[in-house]
Amino acid sequence: MTGPRIKVYTDEDVDVDLASALLVSGYDVISTRDAGNAHQGYDDEQQLKYAASVGRAIFTHNIADFMRLEREWKAQGREHCGIIVSERVHVGELSRRLKNHLDSVSTDTQYNTLLFLVS
């Protein structure tokens, strides 16, 4: 893929080691903790609002709630930088899958869209 990579913000339910591992590999990923948003009582919509406000797609394991938010935001004409969802797997496997996603999906494709990580 050519062009800018997707910038990612990991939701509070994602292992913070994932963001650290991806940063070391050159990806632009910040965790909720690194952004100062951990343990603040932010709900899913507040996390999505934050990610959108700083130009980042949000990555989460909270599939059902973010699928609902995606539908609600589209119905309201609201936009975000993308939602990436995945079931919980070992952080090493998750890192591999997210790297593959970030290397193969453009920012335009991810914009305002919910996409699942593939194995």
N, C-alpha and C. Protein backbone atom coordinates (compact mmCIF):
# COMPACT_ATOMS: atom_id res chain seq x y z
N MET A 1 0.85 -1.19 0.00
CA MET A 1 0.00 0.00 0.00
C MET A 1 0.89 1.24 0.00
N THR A 2 0.51 2.22 -0.77
CA THR A 2 1.21 3.49 -0.76
C THR A 2 0.32 4.52 -0.08
N GLY A 3 0.90 5.62 0.32
CA GLY A 3 0.14 6.66 1.00
C GLY A 3 0.24 6.50 2.50
N PRO A 4 -0.41 7.40 3.21
CA PRO A 4 -0.31 7.38 4.67
C PRO A 4 -1.00 6.15 5.26
N ARG A 5 -0.42 5.67 6.34
CA ARG A 5 -1.02 4.56 7.08
C ARG A 5 -2.09 5.10 8.02
N ILE A 6 -2.99 4.22 8.35
CA ILE A 6 -4.02 4.53 9.33
C ILE A 6 -3.35 4.77 10.69
N LYS A 7 -3.74 5.83 11.35
CA LYS A 7 -3.31 6.09 12.73
C LYS A 7 -4.34 5.46 13.65
N VAL A 8 -3.87 4.79 14.70
CA VAL A 8 -4.76 3.99 15.54
C VAL A 8 -4.72 4.45 17.00
N TYR A 9 -5.88 4.40 17.60
CA TYR A 9 -6.07 4.63 19.04
C TYR A 9 -6.70 3.35 19.58
N THR A 10 -6.05 2.71 20.55
CA THR A 10 -6.60 1.47 21.09
C THR A 10 -7.54 1.76 22.25
N ASP A 11 -8.68 1.11 22.21
CA ASP A 11 -9.69 1.24 23.25
C ASP A 11 -9.14 0.71 24.58
N GLU A 12 -9.80 1.06 25.65
CA GLU A 12 -9.34 0.69 26.99
C GLU A 12 -9.34 -0.82 27.21
N ASP A 13 -10.13 -1.57 26.44
CA ASP A 13 -10.18 -3.02 26.63
C ASP A 13 -9.08 -3.76 25.88
N VAL A 14 -8.20 -3.04 25.19
CA VAL A 14 -7.11 -3.64 24.43
C VAL A 14 -5.83 -3.61 25.27
N ASP A 15 -5.11 -4.71 25.28
CA ASP A 15 -3.84 -4.83 26.01
C ASP A 15 -2.90 -3.70 25.59
N VAL A 16 -2.40 -2.92 26.54
CA VAL A 16 -1.51 -1.79 26.22
C VAL A 16 -0.22 -2.24 25.58
N ASP A 17 0.17 -3.50 25.77
CA ASP A 17 1.38 -4.01 25.13
C ASP A 17 1.27 -4.02 23.61
N LEU A 18 0.05 -4.08 23.10
CA LEU A 18 -0.14 -4.08 21.65
C LEU A 18 0.35 -2.76 21.06
N ALA A 19 -0.07 -1.64 21.64
CA ALA A 19 0.35 -0.33 21.13
C ALA A 19 1.87 -0.19 21.20
N SER A 20 2.45 -0.63 22.30
CA SER A 20 3.91 -0.55 22.45
C SER A 20 4.63 -1.36 21.39
N ALA A 21 4.15 -2.59 21.13
CA ALA A 21 4.78 -3.46 20.13
C ALA A 21 4.68 -2.85 18.74
N LEU A 22 3.54 -2.26 18.43
CA LEU A 22 3.37 -1.67 17.11
C LEU A 22 4.20 -0.40 16.95
N LEU A 23 4.32 0.39 18.01
CA LEU A 23 5.15 1.59 17.95
C LEU A 23 6.60 1.23 17.62
N VAL A 24 7.11 0.19 18.28
CA VAL A 24 8.48 -0.25 18.04
C VAL A 24 8.67 -0.65 16.58
N SER A 25 7.62 -1.15 15.96
CA SER A 25 7.67 -1.58 14.56
C SER A 25 7.40 -0.43 13.58
N GLY A 26 7.20 0.79 14.08
CA GLY A 26 7.05 1.95 13.21
C GLY A 26 5.62 2.35 12.88
N TYR A 27 4.65 1.76 13.56
CA TYR A 27 3.25 2.11 13.32
C TYR A 27 2.83 3.22 14.27
N ASP A 28 1.90 4.07 13.83
CA ASP A 28 1.42 5.19 14.63
C ASP A 28 0.20 4.74 15.44
N VAL A 29 0.48 4.21 16.62
CA VAL A 29 -0.55 3.65 17.49
C VAL A 29 -0.36 4.20 18.90
N ILE A 30 -1.46 4.69 19.49
CA ILE A 30 -1.40 5.09 20.89
C ILE A 30 -2.51 4.36 21.65
N SER A 31 -2.22 4.06 22.89
CA SER A 31 -3.20 3.39 23.73
C SER A 31 -4.02 4.43 24.48
N THR A 32 -5.14 3.99 25.00
CA THR A 32 -5.96 4.86 25.84
C THR A 32 -5.13 5.37 27.02
N ARG A 33 -4.32 4.49 27.58
CA ARG A 33 -3.46 4.89 28.70
C ARG A 33 -2.50 5.98 28.29
N ASP A 34 -1.83 5.80 27.14
CA ASP A 34 -0.84 6.78 26.69
C ASP A 34 -1.48 8.13 26.36
N ALA A 35 -2.75 8.11 25.97
CA ALA A 35 -3.46 9.36 25.67
C ALA A 35 -4.01 10.02 26.94
N GLY A 36 -3.85 9.36 28.08
CA GLY A 36 -4.35 9.91 29.34
C GLY A 36 -5.83 9.69 29.56
N ASN A 37 -6.41 8.74 28.82
CA ASN A 37 -7.85 8.51 28.90
C ASN A 37 -8.24 7.25 29.66
N ALA A 38 -7.27 6.51 30.16
CA ALA A 38 -7.58 5.28 30.89
C ALA A 38 -8.16 5.60 32.27
N HIS A 39 -9.07 4.76 32.71
CA HIS A 39 -9.67 4.86 34.05
C HIS A 39 -10.36 6.21 34.29
N GLN A 40 -10.88 6.80 33.22
CA GLN A 40 -11.59 8.07 33.32
C GLN A 40 -13.11 7.87 33.30
N GLY A 41 -13.54 6.63 33.12
CA GLY A 41 -14.97 6.35 33.05
C GLY A 41 -15.59 6.70 31.71
N TYR A 42 -14.77 6.86 30.67
CA TYR A 42 -15.30 7.18 29.35
C TYR A 42 -16.06 5.99 28.79
N ASP A 43 -17.24 6.24 28.26
CA ASP A 43 -17.98 5.17 27.61
C ASP A 43 -17.47 5.01 26.17
N ASP A 44 -18.02 4.02 25.47
CA ASP A 44 -17.55 3.74 24.11
C ASP A 44 -17.71 4.92 23.17
N GLU A 45 -18.81 5.63 23.28
CA GLU A 45 -19.01 6.77 22.39
C GLU A 45 -18.00 7.87 22.67
N GLN A 46 -17.69 8.10 23.93
CA GLN A 46 -16.67 9.11 24.26
C GLN A 46 -15.30 8.70 23.71
N GLN A 47 -15.01 7.40 23.75
CA GLN A 47 -13.73 6.93 23.19
C GLN A 47 -13.71 7.14 21.67
N LEU A 48 -14.82 6.84 21.01
CA LEU A 48 -14.91 7.05 19.57
C LEU A 48 -14.80 8.53 19.22
N LYS A 49 -15.47 9.38 19.99
CA LYS A 49 -15.37 10.83 19.77
C LYS A 49 -13.93 11.30 19.89
N TYR A 50 -13.24 10.80 20.93
CA TYR A 50 -11.85 11.19 21.11
C TYR A 50 -11.01 10.77 19.91
N ALA A 51 -11.14 9.51 19.51
CA ALA A 51 -10.36 9.02 18.37
C ALA A 51 -10.62 9.87 17.13
N ALA A 52 -11.88 10.17 16.87
CA ALA A 52 -12.23 10.99 15.70
C ALA A 52 -11.62 12.38 15.82
N SER A 53 -11.63 12.94 17.03
CA SER A 53 -11.13 14.31 17.21
C SER A 53 -9.63 14.44 17.00
N VAL A 54 -8.90 13.32 17.15
CA VAL A 54 -7.45 13.37 16.94
C VAL A 54 -7.04 12.66 15.65
N GLY A 55 -8.01 12.35 14.80
CA GLY A 55 -7.73 11.79 13.48
C GLY A 55 -7.24 10.36 13.48
N ARG A 56 -7.79 9.55 14.40
CA ARG A 56 -7.36 8.16 14.51
C ARG A 56 -8.54 7.21 14.42
N ALA A 57 -8.29 6.05 13.83
CA ALA A 57 -9.26 4.96 13.88
C ALA A 57 -9.15 4.34 15.27
N ILE A 58 -10.25 3.83 15.78
CA ILE A 58 -10.22 3.17 17.09
C ILE A 58 -10.17 1.67 16.88
N PHE A 59 -9.35 1.00 17.68
CA PHE A 59 -9.28 -0.46 17.66
C PHE A 59 -9.83 -0.99 18.97
N THR A 60 -10.75 -1.96 18.88
CA THR A 60 -11.43 -2.45 20.07
C THR A 60 -11.79 -3.93 19.94
N HIS A 61 -12.01 -4.55 21.10
CA HIS A 61 -12.56 -5.92 21.14
C HIS A 61 -14.07 -5.87 21.40
N ASN A 62 -14.58 -4.70 21.65
CA ASN A 62 -15.99 -4.53 22.02
C ASN A 62 -16.84 -4.45 20.74
N ILE A 63 -16.97 -5.58 20.09
CA ILE A 63 -17.56 -5.65 18.75
C ILE A 63 -19.01 -5.19 18.72
N ALA A 64 -19.85 -5.76 19.56
CA ALA A 64 -21.30 -5.46 19.51
C ALA A 64 -21.58 -3.98 19.75
N ASP A 65 -20.96 -3.40 20.76
CA ASP A 65 -21.24 -1.99 21.07
C ASP A 65 -20.75 -1.06 19.97
N PHE A 66 -19.60 -1.36 19.36
CA PHE A 66 -19.10 -0.49 18.31
C PHE A 66 -19.85 -0.70 16.99
N MET A 67 -20.39 -1.88 16.78
CA MET A 67 -21.27 -2.06 15.61
C MET A 67 -22.51 -1.20 15.77
N ARG A 68 -23.05 -1.14 16.98
CA ARG A 68 -24.21 -0.28 17.26
C ARG A 68 -23.84 1.19 17.06
N LEU A 69 -22.71 1.60 17.60
CA LEU A 69 -22.27 3.00 17.44
C LEU A 69 -22.07 3.35 15.98
N GLU A 70 -21.50 2.44 15.22
CA GLU A 70 -21.29 2.67 13.78
C GLU A 70 -22.63 2.96 13.09
N ARG A 71 -23.63 2.14 13.38
CA ARG A 71 -24.96 2.35 12.77
C ARG A 71 -25.55 3.69 13.21
N GLU A 72 -25.45 4.00 14.50
CA GLU A 72 -26.01 5.25 15.02
C GLU A 72 -25.33 6.47 14.40
N TRP A 73 -24.01 6.44 14.33
CA TRP A 73 -23.28 7.58 13.78
C TRP A 73 -23.63 7.77 12.31
N LYS A 74 -23.73 6.69 11.55
CA LYS A 74 -24.09 6.82 10.14
C LYS A 74 -25.50 7.39 10.00
N ALA A 75 -26.44 6.92 10.81
CA ALA A 75 -27.82 7.42 10.76
C ALA A 75 -27.88 8.91 11.08
N GLN A 76 -26.97 9.37 11.94
CA GLN A 76 -26.94 10.78 12.34
C GLN A 76 -26.05 11.62 11.43
N GLY A 77 -25.42 11.00 10.44
CA GLY A 77 -24.54 11.74 9.54
C GLY A 77 -23.21 12.12 10.16
N ARG A 78 -22.83 11.47 11.25
CA ARG A 78 -21.57 11.76 11.92
C ARG A 78 -20.46 10.91 11.31
N GLU A 79 -19.25 11.44 11.31
CA GLU A 79 -18.12 10.74 10.71
C GLU A 79 -17.03 10.46 11.74
N HIS A 80 -16.27 9.43 11.48
CA HIS A 80 -15.13 9.05 12.31
C HIS A 80 -14.02 8.56 11.39
N CYS A 81 -12.86 8.31 11.94
CA CYS A 81 -11.71 7.88 11.13
C CYS A 81 -11.63 6.37 10.96
N GLY A 82 -12.61 5.67 11.47
CA GLY A 82 -12.66 4.23 11.31
C GLY A 82 -12.75 3.50 12.63
N ILE A 83 -13.33 2.33 12.56
CA ILE A 83 -13.42 1.43 13.71
C ILE A 83 -12.87 0.09 13.24
N ILE A 84 -11.89 -0.42 13.98
CA ILE A 84 -11.31 -1.73 13.69
C ILE A 84 -11.66 -2.63 14.86
N VAL A 85 -12.25 -3.78 14.59
CA VAL A 85 -12.66 -4.69 15.66
C VAL A 85 -12.05 -6.06 15.47
N SER A 86 -11.87 -6.75 16.60
CA SER A 86 -11.34 -8.11 16.57
C SER A 86 -11.73 -8.82 17.85
N GLU A 87 -11.91 -10.14 17.73
CA GLU A 87 -12.07 -10.94 18.94
C GLU A 87 -10.73 -10.94 19.67
N ARG A 88 -10.76 -11.35 20.92
CA ARG A 88 -9.53 -11.40 21.71
C ARG A 88 -8.70 -12.61 21.31
N VAL A 89 -7.45 -12.36 21.00
CA VAL A 89 -6.47 -13.41 20.74
C VAL A 89 -5.17 -12.97 21.41
N HIS A 90 -4.19 -13.85 21.46
CA HIS A 90 -2.90 -13.55 22.06
C HIS A 90 -2.33 -12.27 21.43
N VAL A 91 -1.67 -11.45 22.23
CA VAL A 91 -1.19 -10.15 21.76
C VAL A 91 -0.24 -10.28 20.55
N GLY A 92 0.55 -11.33 20.49
CA GLY A 92 1.42 -11.53 19.34
C GLY A 92 0.64 -11.75 18.06
N GLU A 93 -0.41 -12.56 18.13
CA GLU A 93 -1.26 -12.80 16.98
C GLU A 93 -2.04 -11.54 16.62
N LEU A 94 -2.50 -10.83 17.62
CA LEU A 94 -3.22 -9.58 17.39
C LEU A 94 -2.32 -8.56 16.70
N SER A 95 -1.08 -8.50 17.13
CA SER A 95 -0.11 -7.59 16.52
C SER A 95 0.08 -7.94 15.04
N ARG A 96 0.23 -9.22 14.73
CA ARG A 96 0.40 -9.66 13.35
C ARG A 96 -0.80 -9.25 12.50
N ARG A 97 -2.01 -9.51 13.03
CA ARG A 97 -3.22 -9.19 12.29
C ARG A 97 -3.38 -7.68 12.07
N LEU A 98 -3.09 -6.90 13.12
CA LEU A 98 -3.26 -5.45 12.98
C LEU A 98 -2.21 -4.88 12.03
N LYS A 99 -0.99 -5.38 12.08
CA LYS A 99 0.04 -4.94 11.13
C LYS A 99 -0.41 -5.23 9.70
N ASN A 100 -0.91 -6.41 9.47
CA ASN A 100 -1.40 -6.78 8.14
C ASN A 100 -2.51 -5.81 7.70
N HIS A 101 -3.42 -5.50 8.61
CA HIS A 101 -4.52 -4.57 8.31
C HIS A 101 -3.95 -3.19 7.95
N LEU A 102 -3.05 -2.69 8.77
CA LEU A 102 -2.50 -1.36 8.55
C LEU A 102 -1.65 -1.28 7.29
N ASP A 103 -1.06 -2.40 6.90
CA ASP A 103 -0.24 -2.43 5.68
C ASP A 103 -1.08 -2.59 4.41
N SER A 104 -2.33 -3.03 4.56
CA SER A 104 -3.10 -3.35 3.36
C SER A 104 -4.37 -2.52 3.18
N VAL A 105 -4.81 -1.81 4.21
CA VAL A 105 -6.04 -1.02 4.12
C VAL A 105 -5.67 0.47 4.11
N SER A 106 -6.20 1.19 3.15
CA SER A 106 -5.89 2.62 3.06
C SER A 106 -6.71 3.43 4.06
N THR A 107 -6.24 4.62 4.32
CA THR A 107 -6.99 5.51 5.21
C THR A 107 -8.35 5.84 4.61
N ASP A 108 -8.43 5.95 3.29
CA ASP A 108 -9.71 6.23 2.63
C ASP A 108 -10.69 5.07 2.80
N THR A 109 -10.19 3.84 2.69
CA THR A 109 -11.05 2.66 2.86
C THR A 109 -11.54 2.55 4.29
N GLN A 110 -10.66 2.85 5.26
CA GLN A 110 -11.01 2.71 6.68
C GLN A 110 -11.92 3.84 7.15
N TYR A 111 -11.81 5.01 6.53
CA TYR A 111 -12.54 6.19 6.98
C TYR A 111 -14.04 5.93 7.07
N ASN A 112 -14.61 6.23 8.23
CA ASN A 112 -16.04 6.17 8.47
C ASN A 112 -16.63 4.76 8.25
N THR A 113 -15.79 3.75 8.48
CA THR A 113 -16.18 2.36 8.24
C THR A 113 -15.72 1.48 9.38
N LEU A 114 -16.51 0.49 9.72
CA LEU A 114 -16.11 -0.53 10.68
C LEU A 114 -15.62 -1.74 9.90
N LEU A 115 -14.38 -2.16 10.21
CA LEU A 115 -13.77 -3.32 9.56
C LEU A 115 -13.28 -4.31 10.61
N PHE A 116 -13.44 -5.59 10.31
CA PHE A 116 -12.95 -6.67 11.18
C PHE A 116 -11.53 -7.04 10.77
N LEU A 117 -10.67 -7.33 11.78
CA LEU A 117 -9.37 -7.89 11.46
C LEU A 117 -9.57 -9.31 10.98
N VAL A 118 -8.80 -9.71 10.00
CA VAL A 118 -8.88 -11.08 9.49
C VAL A 118 -7.68 -11.87 9.97
N SER A 119 -7.83 -13.19 10.04
CA SER A 119 -6.73 -14.03 10.54
C SER A 119 -5.60 -14.12 9.56
